[in-house]
Protein backbone atom coordinates (compact mmCIF):
# COMPACT_ATOMS: atom_id res chain seq x y z
CA MET A 1 0.00 0.00 0.00
CA SER A 2 1.37 3.44 -0.95
CA ILE A 3 1.90 6.30 1.48
CA ASP A 4 -0.93 8.25 -0.16
CA GLN A 5 -3.30 5.33 0.28
CA GLU A 6 -2.29 4.91 3.93
CA LEU A 7 -2.84 8.63 4.49
CA ASP A 8 -6.28 8.48 2.82
CA ASN A 9 -7.23 5.52 5.02
CA THR A 10 -6.04 7.34 8.14
CA ILE A 11 -8.02 10.46 7.23
CA SER A 12 -11.07 8.32 6.50
CA THR A 13 -10.70 6.61 9.88
CA PHE A 14 -10.49 9.93 11.70
CA ALA A 15 -13.53 11.19 9.76
CA ASP A 16 -15.45 8.06 10.78
CA ILE A 17 -14.53 8.57 14.43
CA GLU A 18 -15.47 12.25 14.34
CA ALA A 19 -18.80 11.50 12.64
CA GLU A 20 -19.58 8.83 15.22
CA LEU A 21 -18.71 11.16 18.11
CA ASN A 22 -20.90 13.92 16.62
CA LEU A 23 -23.78 11.47 16.29
CA ARG A 24 -23.47 10.23 19.87
CA HIS A 25 -23.20 13.77 21.19
CA ALA A 26 -26.34 14.73 19.29
CA GLN A 27 -28.14 11.69 20.72
CA ASP A 28 -27.17 12.65 24.27
CA VAL A 29 -28.23 16.28 23.82
CA LEU A 30 -31.57 15.38 22.28
CA ARG A 31 -32.33 12.70 24.90
CA ASP A 32 -31.70 15.26 27.65
CA LEU A 33 -33.85 17.84 25.88
CA VAL A 34 -36.80 15.45 25.48
CA LYS A 35 -36.40 14.19 29.04
CA ASN A 36 -36.25 17.66 30.63
CA LEU A 37 -38.99 19.45 28.67
CA ASP A 38 -41.11 19.71 31.85
CA LEU A 39 -44.16 21.22 30.16
CA THR A 40 -47.59 21.62 31.68
CA SER A 41 -50.69 20.75 29.65
CA SER A 42 -51.31 24.43 28.89
CA GLU A 43 -47.70 24.91 27.79
CA ARG A 44 -47.99 21.95 25.42
CA GLN A 45 -50.96 23.48 23.60
CA GLY A 46 -49.92 24.61 20.15
CA LEU A 47 -46.64 22.70 20.33
CA GLU A 48 -48.00 19.20 19.74
CA SER A 49 -46.62 18.96 16.21
CA ASP A 50 -43.20 20.29 17.21
CA LEU A 51 -42.92 17.97 20.20
CA SER A 52 -43.95 15.01 18.05
CA GLY A 53 -41.31 16.06 15.53
CA LEU A 54 -38.74 16.21 18.31
CA GLN A 55 -39.47 12.60 19.23
CA GLN A 56 -39.27 11.62 15.56
CA MET A 57 -35.87 13.28 15.30
CA LEU A 58 -34.69 11.37 18.35
CA ASP A 59 -35.86 8.13 16.71
CA LYS A 60 -33.91 9.16 13.59
CA LEU A 61 -30.77 9.52 15.65
CA GLU A 62 -31.30 6.27 17.53
CA HIS A 63 -31.68 4.33 14.25
CA THR A 64 -29.14 6.43 12.31
CA CYS A 65 -31.78 7.13 9.67
CA ILE A 66 -31.21 9.74 6.99
CA GLN A 67 -34.20 11.31 5.22
CA ILE A 68 -34.21 12.44 1.59
CA ALA A 69 -37.18 14.61 0.58
CA VAL A 70 -38.19 15.44 -2.99
CA PHE A 71 -39.90 18.70 -4.00
CA GLY A 72 -41.15 20.16 -7.26
CA MET A 73 -44.19 21.26 -9.22
CA VAL A 74 -46.93 18.90 -10.34
CA GLY A 75 -46.03 16.76 -13.34
CA ARG A 76 -42.25 17.03 -12.97
CA GLY A 77 -41.87 13.34 -12.12
CA LYS A 78 -41.02 13.45 -8.42
CA SER A 79 -42.67 10.11 -7.64
CA SER A 80 -41.15 8.53 -10.75
CA ILE A 81 -37.67 9.53 -9.61
CA LEU A 82 -38.19 7.97 -6.20
CA ASN A 83 -39.56 4.79 -7.79
CA ALA A 84 -36.50 4.66 -10.05
CA LEU A 85 -34.22 4.98 -7.04
CA LEU A 86 -36.13 2.21 -5.25
CA GLY A 87 -36.13 -0.01 -8.33
CA GLN A 88 -39.86 -0.64 -8.05
CA THR A 89 -43.15 1.22 -8.23
CA VAL A 90 -43.92 2.21 -4.66
CA PHE A 91 -45.04 5.82 -4.99
CA ALA A 92 -48.19 6.39 -7.05
CA THR A 93 -47.77 7.98 -10.48
CA GLY A 94 -50.25 8.72 -13.25
CA PRO A 95 -51.35 11.08 -16.00
CA THR A 96 -53.83 12.94 -13.81
CA HIS A 97 -52.92 16.24 -12.22
CA GLY A 98 -51.29 15.87 -8.82
CA ILE A 99 -51.41 12.21 -7.75
CA THR A 100 -49.47 12.87 -4.53
CA ARG A 101 -51.75 14.64 -2.04
CA THR A 102 -49.80 14.24 1.21
CA THR A 103 -46.23 13.49 2.19
CA GLU A 104 -45.29 9.81 1.96
CA ALA A 105 -42.13 8.06 3.17
CA LYS A 106 -40.60 4.73 2.13
CA PRO A 107 -37.34 3.03 3.13
CA TRP A 108 -34.55 2.74 0.57
CA GLN A 109 -32.33 -0.30 1.00
CA VAL A 110 -29.04 1.10 -0.29
CA GLU A 111 -26.82 -1.60 1.23
CA GLY A 112 -27.24 -3.85 -1.78
CA GLU A 113 -26.36 -1.22 -4.38
CA HIS A 114 -23.45 -2.22 -6.66
CA LEU A 115 -22.84 1.29 -7.90
CA THR A 116 -20.34 2.10 -5.20
CA GLY A 117 -18.27 -1.04 -5.19
CA ALA A 118 -16.50 -1.40 -1.86
CA MET A 119 -17.93 1.85 -0.51
CA SER A 120 -18.99 1.31 3.10
CA TYR A 121 -22.03 3.14 4.39
CA ARG A 122 -21.99 4.99 7.65
CA ILE A 123 -25.75 5.01 8.18
CA SER A 124 -28.27 2.30 8.98
CA GLN A 125 -31.40 3.49 7.17
CA VAL A 126 -32.36 5.77 4.31
CA GLU A 127 -35.90 7.07 3.91
CA LEU A 128 -37.29 8.65 0.75
CA ILE A 129 -40.05 11.23 1.22
CA ASP A 130 -42.45 12.26 -1.55
CA THR A 131 -44.33 15.57 -1.25
CA PRO A 132 -47.30 17.14 -3.09
CA GLY A 133 -46.57 19.52 -5.96
CA ILE A 134 -45.59 22.96 -4.75
CA ASP A 135 -48.32 24.40 -6.99
CA GLU A 136 -50.97 21.96 -5.73
CA VAL A 137 -52.16 24.10 -2.80
CA ASP A 138 -52.25 27.81 -1.96
CA GLY A 139 -48.99 29.63 -1.49
CA GLN A 140 -48.95 29.95 2.29
CA THR A 141 -49.98 26.33 2.92
CA ARG A 142 -47.55 25.13 0.27
CA GLU A 143 -44.63 26.96 1.81
CA GLN A 144 -45.52 25.88 5.35
CA MET A 145 -45.78 22.21 4.33
CA ALA A 146 -42.50 22.36 2.42
CA ARG A 147 -40.70 24.02 5.31
CA GLN A 148 -41.96 21.43 7.81
CA VAL A 149 -40.63 18.59 5.66
CA ALA A 150 -37.40 20.42 4.83
CA GLU A 151 -36.71 21.11 8.51
CA LYS A 152 -36.60 17.39 9.28
CA ALA A 153 -35.01 16.10 6.06
CA ASP A 154 -31.25 15.70 5.69
CA LEU A 155 -30.97 15.95 1.89
CA LEU A 156 -33.34 17.79 -0.48
CA LEU A 157 -34.05 16.95 -4.13
CA PHE A 158 -35.76 19.62 -6.24
CA VAL A 159 -37.16 18.30 -9.51
CA ILE A 160 -37.67 20.29 -12.71
CA ALA A 161 -38.45 19.10 -16.23
CA GLY A 162 -37.12 21.94 -18.36
CA ASP A 163 -36.19 25.58 -17.98
CA ILE A 164 -36.95 26.71 -14.44
CA THR A 165 -40.09 28.82 -13.87
CA GLN A 166 -40.54 31.77 -11.51
CA VAL A 167 -42.61 29.66 -9.08
CA GLU A 168 -39.90 27.00 -9.08
CA TYR A 169 -37.18 29.58 -8.52
CA GLN A 170 -39.02 31.06 -5.53
CA ALA A 171 -39.59 27.61 -4.01
CA LEU A 172 -35.97 26.67 -4.63
CA SER A 173 -34.86 29.88 -2.91
CA TRP A 174 -36.74 29.32 0.33
CA LEU A 175 -35.78 25.66 0.40
CA ARG A 176 -32.17 26.72 -0.05
CA ASP A 177 -32.61 28.90 3.04
CA ALA A 178 -33.20 25.73 5.06
CA GLY A 179 -29.44 25.24 4.89
CA LYS A 180 -29.64 21.59 3.85
CA PRO A 181 -27.64 19.83 1.11
CA MET A 182 -29.66 20.03 -2.09
CA LEU A 183 -29.59 18.56 -5.58
CA LEU A 184 -31.44 20.11 -8.51
CA VAL A 185 -32.72 17.22 -10.64
CA PHE A 186 -33.41 17.98 -14.32
CA ASN A 187 -35.85 15.16 -15.17
CA LYS A 188 -37.42 14.02 -18.46
CA ILE A 189 -34.29 14.75 -20.51
CA ASP A 190 -35.43 12.00 -22.92
CA GLN A 191 -38.06 14.43 -24.19
CA TYR A 192 -35.43 16.82 -25.57
CA PRO A 193 -32.97 16.37 -28.43
CA PRO A 194 -29.38 16.25 -27.10
CA GLY A 195 -28.58 19.78 -28.30
CA ASP A 196 -31.70 21.32 -26.74
CA ARG A 197 -31.18 19.35 -23.52
CA GLN A 198 -27.62 20.69 -23.17
CA ALA A 199 -28.70 24.24 -23.95
CA ILE A 200 -31.41 24.14 -21.26
CA TYR A 201 -28.97 22.64 -18.75
CA GLU A 202 -26.39 25.37 -19.40
CA LYS A 203 -29.00 28.12 -19.12
CA ILE A 204 -30.18 26.74 -15.78
CA ARG A 205 -26.61 26.31 -14.56
CA ASP A 206 -25.20 29.63 -15.74
CA GLU A 207 -28.19 31.97 -15.41
CA ARG A 208 -31.14 30.63 -13.46
CA VAL A 209 -29.60 29.12 -10.31
CA ARG A 210 -26.03 30.35 -10.41
CA GLU A 211 -26.44 32.17 -7.07
CA LEU A 212 -28.22 29.25 -5.41
CA LEU A 213 -26.46 26.08 -6.55
CA SER A 214 -23.09 24.96 -7.86
CA PRO A 215 -22.80 22.92 -11.10
CA ASP A 216 -22.00 19.82 -9.00
CA GLU A 217 -25.47 20.12 -7.43
CA ILE A 218 -27.33 19.79 -10.74
CA VAL A 219 -28.08 16.32 -12.16
CA MET A 220 -29.84 15.27 -15.38
CA VAL A 221 -32.03 12.14 -15.34
CA ALA A 222 -34.86 10.38 -17.15
CA ALA A 223 -36.78 8.59 -14.41
CA SER A 224 -39.39 7.09 -16.69
CA PRO A 225 -38.20 7.55 -20.29
CA LEU A 226 -40.38 6.91 -23.32
CA VAL A 227 -38.72 4.65 -25.89
CA ALA A 228 -40.07 4.45 -29.43
CA SER A 229 -40.28 1.04 -31.10
CA ALA A 230 -41.72 -0.16 -34.42
CA VAL A 231 -44.76 -2.44 -34.17
CA ARG A 232 -46.09 -4.39 -37.19
CA ARG A 233 -49.73 -3.89 -37.95
CA PRO A 234 -51.95 -6.82 -39.14
CA ASP A 235 -51.68 -5.54 -42.68
CA GLY A 236 -47.89 -5.80 -42.56
CA SER A 237 -47.16 -2.06 -42.19
CA PHE A 238 -45.37 -0.61 -39.15
CA GLN A 239 -46.39 1.93 -36.61
CA THR A 240 -44.41 3.71 -33.85
CA GLN A 241 -45.25 2.77 -30.30
CA LEU A 242 -43.96 4.46 -27.14
CA ASN A 243 -43.06 2.29 -24.16
CA ARG A 244 -41.43 2.95 -20.84
CA GLY A 245 -37.71 2.27 -20.95
CA GLU A 246 -35.09 1.68 -18.27
CA PRO A 247 -34.64 4.68 -15.96
CA GLN A 248 -31.57 6.81 -16.59
CA ILE A 249 -30.98 7.49 -12.92
CA ASN A 250 -27.42 6.35 -12.20
CA ASP A 251 -25.89 9.85 -12.05
CA LEU A 252 -28.39 10.84 -9.36
CA LYS A 253 -27.80 7.61 -7.45
CA LEU A 254 -24.06 8.20 -7.48
CA LYS A 255 -24.48 11.76 -6.22
CA ILE A 256 -26.76 10.70 -3.38
CA LEU A 257 -24.67 7.70 -2.36
CA ASP A 258 -21.51 9.79 -2.41
CA ILE A 259 -23.14 12.29 -0.04
CA LEU A 260 -24.31 9.48 2.22
CA HIS A 261 -20.85 7.93 2.23
CA ARG A 262 -19.02 11.16 3.00
CA GLU A 263 -21.46 12.96 5.27
CA GLY A 264 -24.25 10.59 6.31
CA LYS A 265 -23.85 10.56 10.08
CA SER A 266 -22.70 14.17 10.26
CA LEU A 267 -25.78 15.27 8.30
CA ILE A 268 -28.11 13.47 10.67
CA ALA A 269 -26.39 14.91 13.73
CA LEU A 270 -26.25 18.47 12.38
CA ASN A 271 -29.80 18.60 11.01
CA THR A 272 -31.23 17.02 14.14
CA MET A 273 -29.49 19.59 16.32
CA LEU A 274 -30.72 22.46 14.13
CA TYR A 275 -34.30 21.18 14.34
CA ALA A 276 -34.01 20.58 18.07
CA GLU A 277 -32.69 24.11 18.58
CA ASP A 278 -35.66 25.58 16.73
CA VAL A 279 -38.14 23.50 18.73
CA ASN A 280 -36.38 24.32 21.98
CA GLU A 281 -36.66 28.04 21.20
CA GLN A 282 -40.39 27.60 20.60
CA VAL A 283 -40.76 25.62 23.83
CA VAL A 284 -38.92 28.29 25.81
CA GLN A 285 -40.98 31.04 24.16
CA ARG A 286 -44.20 29.17 24.93
CA LYS A 287 -43.15 28.70 28.55
CA LEU A 288 -42.35 32.38 28.88
CA GLU A 289 -45.67 33.39 27.31
CA ILE A 290 -47.68 31.09 29.60
CA ARG A 291 -45.71 32.12 32.66
CA ALA A 292 -45.95 35.78 31.70
CA ASP A 293 -49.76 35.46 31.61
CA GLN A 294 -49.76 33.69 34.96
CA ALA A 295 -47.29 36.21 36.37
CA ARG A 296 -49.55 39.11 35.34
CA SER A 297 -52.42 37.49 37.20
CA VAL A 298 -50.27 36.85 40.30
CA ILE A 299 -48.96 40.44 40.28
CA TRP A 300 -52.42 41.96 39.96
CA ASN A 301 -53.84 39.77 42.72
CA ALA A 302 -50.96 40.80 45.01
CA THR A 303 -51.47 44.44 44.01
CA ILE A 304 -55.15 44.40 44.96
CA THR A 305 -54.54 42.31 48.09
CA LYS A 306 -52.01 44.85 49.33
CA ALA A 307 -54.26 47.76 48.40
CA VAL A 308 -57.25 46.28 50.25
CA ALA A 309 -55.15 45.37 53.29
CA ILE A 310 -53.82 48.91 53.58
CA ALA A 311 -57.17 50.54 52.82
CA ILE A 312 -59.02 48.79 55.65
CA ASN A 313 -56.21 48.98 58.23
CA PRO A 314 -55.89 52.21 60.26
CA LEU A 315 -52.51 51.49 61.92
CA THR A 316 -49.28 52.71 60.27
CA ALA A 317 -47.03 49.94 61.63
CA ILE A 318 -49.37 47.20 60.45
CA ASP A 319 -49.64 48.94 57.05
CA LEU A 320 -45.88 48.74 56.61
CA LEU A 321 -45.52 45.17 57.88
CA SER A 322 -48.44 43.79 55.87
CA GLY A 323 -47.17 45.54 52.75
CA VAL A 324 -43.71 44.00 53.09
CA ALA A 325 -45.19 40.56 53.80
CA ILE A 326 -47.34 40.72 50.67
CA ASP A 327 -44.38 41.86 48.53
CA ILE A 328 -42.22 38.99 49.82
CA THR A 329 -45.02 36.51 49.18
CA LEU A 330 -45.35 37.92 45.64
CA ILE A 331 -41.64 37.41 44.96
CA LEU A 332 -41.69 33.86 46.34
CA THR A 333 -44.78 32.99 44.25
CA LEU A 334 -43.19 34.35 41.09
CA SER A 335 -39.92 32.50 41.75
CA LYS A 336 -41.86 29.25 42.08
CA LEU A 337 -43.73 30.03 38.86
CA TYR A 338 -40.45 30.48 36.97
CA GLY A 339 -38.89 27.41 38.56
CA ILE A 340 -36.14 29.31 40.39
CA PRO A 341 -35.65 28.24 44.03
CA MET A 342 -35.67 31.14 46.48
CA THR A 343 -35.76 31.34 50.28
CA GLN A 344 -37.67 33.90 52.29
CA ARG A 345 -34.37 35.59 53.10
CA GLY A 346 -33.49 35.66 49.41
CA ALA A 347 -36.87 37.20 48.61
CA LEU A 348 -36.33 39.90 51.26
CA ASP A 349 -32.86 40.71 49.87
CA LEU A 350 -34.30 41.00 46.35
CA LEU A 351 -37.15 43.20 47.63
CA GLN A 352 -34.65 45.54 49.33
CA LYS A 353 -32.56 45.77 46.17
CA ILE A 354 -35.62 46.53 44.06
CA ALA A 355 -37.04 49.03 46.58
CA LEU A 356 -33.75 50.95 46.72
CA SER A 357 -33.74 51.14 42.93
CA MET A 358 -37.38 52.22 42.59
CA GLY A 359 -36.76 55.82 43.66
CA GLY A 360 -39.97 57.78 43.19
CA ILE A 361 -42.44 54.97 43.72
CA GLY A 362 -40.71 53.67 46.84
CA ALA A 363 -40.41 57.16 48.33
CA SER A 364 -43.99 58.10 47.51
CA GLU A 365 -45.26 54.89 49.08
CA LEU A 366 -43.27 55.53 52.25
CA ILE A 367 -44.51 59.13 52.50
CA THR A 368 -48.06 57.99 51.84
CA ASN A 369 -47.89 55.27 54.47
CA LEU A 370 -46.32 57.52 57.11
CA GLY A 371 -48.40 60.61 56.36
CA LEU A 372 -51.75 59.46 55.08
CA SER A 373 -51.85 56.47 57.41
CA SER A 374 -51.81 58.83 60.41
CA LEU A 375 -54.55 60.96 58.86
CA LYS A 376 -56.53 57.86 57.98
CA GLY A 377 -56.22 56.62 61.58
CA PHE A 378 -57.37 59.94 62.99
CA LEU A 379 -60.39 60.08 60.68
CA GLY A 380 -61.28 56.50 61.54
CA VAL A 381 -61.08 57.03 65.27
CA THR A 382 -63.15 60.24 65.13
CA ALA A 383 -65.85 58.75 62.92
CA PRO A 384 -68.09 57.62 65.88
CA ALA A 385 -67.72 60.99 67.62
CA THR A 386 -68.67 62.90 64.49
CA GLY A 387 -71.62 60.71 63.73
CA GLY A 388 -69.84 59.24 60.71
CA ALA A 389 -69.09 62.64 59.15
CA THR A 390 -65.39 61.75 58.77
CA LEU A 391 -66.10 58.36 57.15
CA ALA A 392 -66.15 59.67 53.58
CA PRO A 393 -62.81 61.53 53.98
CA TYR A 394 -61.41 58.41 55.67
CA LEU A 395 -62.35 56.24 52.68
CA SER A 396 -60.92 58.74 50.21
CA VAL A 397 -57.59 58.90 52.07
CA ALA A 398 -57.53 55.11 52.49
CA VAL A 399 -58.12 54.44 48.81
CA THR A 400 -55.44 56.97 47.79
CA GLN A 401 -52.91 55.47 50.19
CA ALA A 402 -53.80 51.94 49.11
CA ALA A 403 -53.59 52.79 45.41
CA VAL A 404 -50.09 54.24 45.75
CA ALA A 405 -48.99 51.15 47.69
CA GLY A 406 -50.58 48.98 44.99
CA VAL A 407 -48.63 50.74 42.24
CA SER A 408 -45.45 50.01 44.18
CA THR A 409 -46.29 46.31 44.42
CA TYR A 410 -47.20 46.25 40.73
CA GLY A 411 -43.80 47.72 39.88
CA ILE A 412 -42.04 45.26 42.20
CA GLY A 413 -43.85 42.38 40.47
CA GLN A 414 -42.85 43.59 37.00
CA VAL A 415 -39.19 43.98 38.00
CA THR A 416 -39.16 40.57 39.70
CA THR A 417 -40.68 38.93 36.62
CA THR A 418 -38.00 40.42 34.38
CA TYR A 419 -35.28 39.32 36.79
CA LEU A 420 -36.59 35.75 37.04
CA ALA A 421 -37.36 35.38 33.31
CA ASN A 422 -33.71 36.30 32.71
CA GLY A 423 -32.61 33.33 34.83
CA ALA A 424 -32.39 35.25 38.13
CA SER A 425 -30.03 37.75 36.53
CA TRP A 426 -30.02 41.46 35.79
CA GLY A 427 -28.29 40.78 32.48
CA ASP A 428 -25.59 43.19 31.37
CA ASP A 429 -27.13 46.14 33.25
CA LYS A 430 -27.11 47.07 36.92
CA PRO A 431 -30.33 46.55 38.93
CA LYS A 432 -31.09 50.27 39.04
CA ALA A 433 -30.91 50.57 35.24
CA VAL A 434 -33.24 47.58 34.77
CA VAL A 435 -35.72 48.91 37.35
CA ARG A 436 -35.71 52.40 35.82
CA ARG A 437 -36.33 51.02 32.35
CA ILE A 438 -39.30 48.94 33.55
CA LEU A 439 -40.81 51.79 35.57
CA LEU A 440 -40.59 54.14 32.60
CA SER A 441 -42.53 51.61 30.54
CA LEU A 442 -45.39 51.49 33.05
CA ASP A 443 -48.40 53.76 32.74
CA GLN A 444 -48.53 54.54 36.46
CA ALA A 445 -51.51 56.89 36.18
CA SER A 446 -53.55 54.21 34.43
CA ILE A 447 -52.54 51.56 36.98
CA LEU A 448 -53.36 53.92 39.84
CA GLY A 449 -56.82 54.58 38.42
CA ARG A 450 -57.47 50.90 37.83
CA ILE A 451 -56.53 50.05 41.41
CA LYS A 452 -58.80 52.78 42.78
CA ASP A 453 -61.74 51.61 40.68
CA GLU A 454 -61.35 48.02 41.85
CA LEU A 455 -60.94 49.13 45.46
CA TRP A 456 -64.14 51.14 45.41
CA MET A 457 -65.99 48.12 44.01
CA LYS A 458 -64.53 45.82 46.65
CA LEU A 459 -65.47 48.30 49.37
CA GLY A 460 -68.99 48.26 47.95
CA LEU A 461 -69.07 51.99 47.23
CA GLU A 462 -69.31 54.19 44.18
CA ALA A 463 -66.04 55.64 42.91
CA SER A 464 -65.31 58.99 44.52
CA ASN A 465 -64.07 61.96 42.56
């Protein structure tokens, strides 16, 4: 064996090892992702298809299965190409418009192929996927269906049967954006004279898809060629009869098998990780949306609870203590909602940090509690002596004090939610900058009015002006 051959074998061995390690790493990552999804029933809503796809991708990895999906307009011979690759009629074909209505998948036993000689395959299974014509359904549905298949497939075949059309170019462009290996298959070349066939090929190669595909990614085939033969009539004359000939598919087979040989396992690992990353982003986004809705409800309940507690209590010390207790309970509830463990001491420390950064709201609440609470207590105590004359002013002061305290709790809840949603981190900014940004985004006047309205209703009185 020559030195060059030994070097090639060594490189091939290292490539095999690297591909195997990539595959196993992908398997471990995806298993952990599926295992640790931890989704509630409400969080799963709307993600059923993605989660099912995630399990399918894990099965692909476990069985080292590579998927090859074929796309193209109606009548381009997609199903015929797949049948030619399989060596038998498995996918339905026919003269009617659009035989394939849904995606179909069939296994391709490539181990027995003689085209590659001693070439050893690095994958266990190959699956061929047929899709409806890209012009069979409306544009949005067509694109969505194609993208869903393309996201999971490892190798894409795009079939044309002549010079490429605008619809085909657009479809080819957004399939190219999927970032998957792709082959452009020029089918039905038997229907063109050699000179015309070559001219069309060169126009496609040099003008139509030059920015999308390299010449090595374009293959010419005749999946189901028509062969003319002379048939003797009863009267002894001859007539021409067209019959299906042997598929001219070897160039496409060689291209596919070469890709499988060189990149099979790496393709599966890479594409699976890309799909898993997309699904994981959707899962995280869904969790955040659900938890954000729940957090808003928790914050508002705490806001009103604090407002009511302060409104009906005449004692300043109890106002302050009950307000702090409610704020701590709010923080602990939100931390549980976002799955971040926090002790009561940790909640108090976070509350202090937020309160110090809140500036105006914190100061106004303190002034309100210290000043208005005393006035509220005086009016409450003197109500019996005045025959209830001070009751109306008492309620007005109480609602004002409570509303200001409620705004503070609302702001604390919003800041805490941002902090927890960011993984119990302030991000790149300091706490004060984060708090200021959130407070500036709040419509405090609107919140204050909303709290007052709800307080008056809970107190069973008409809103006071």
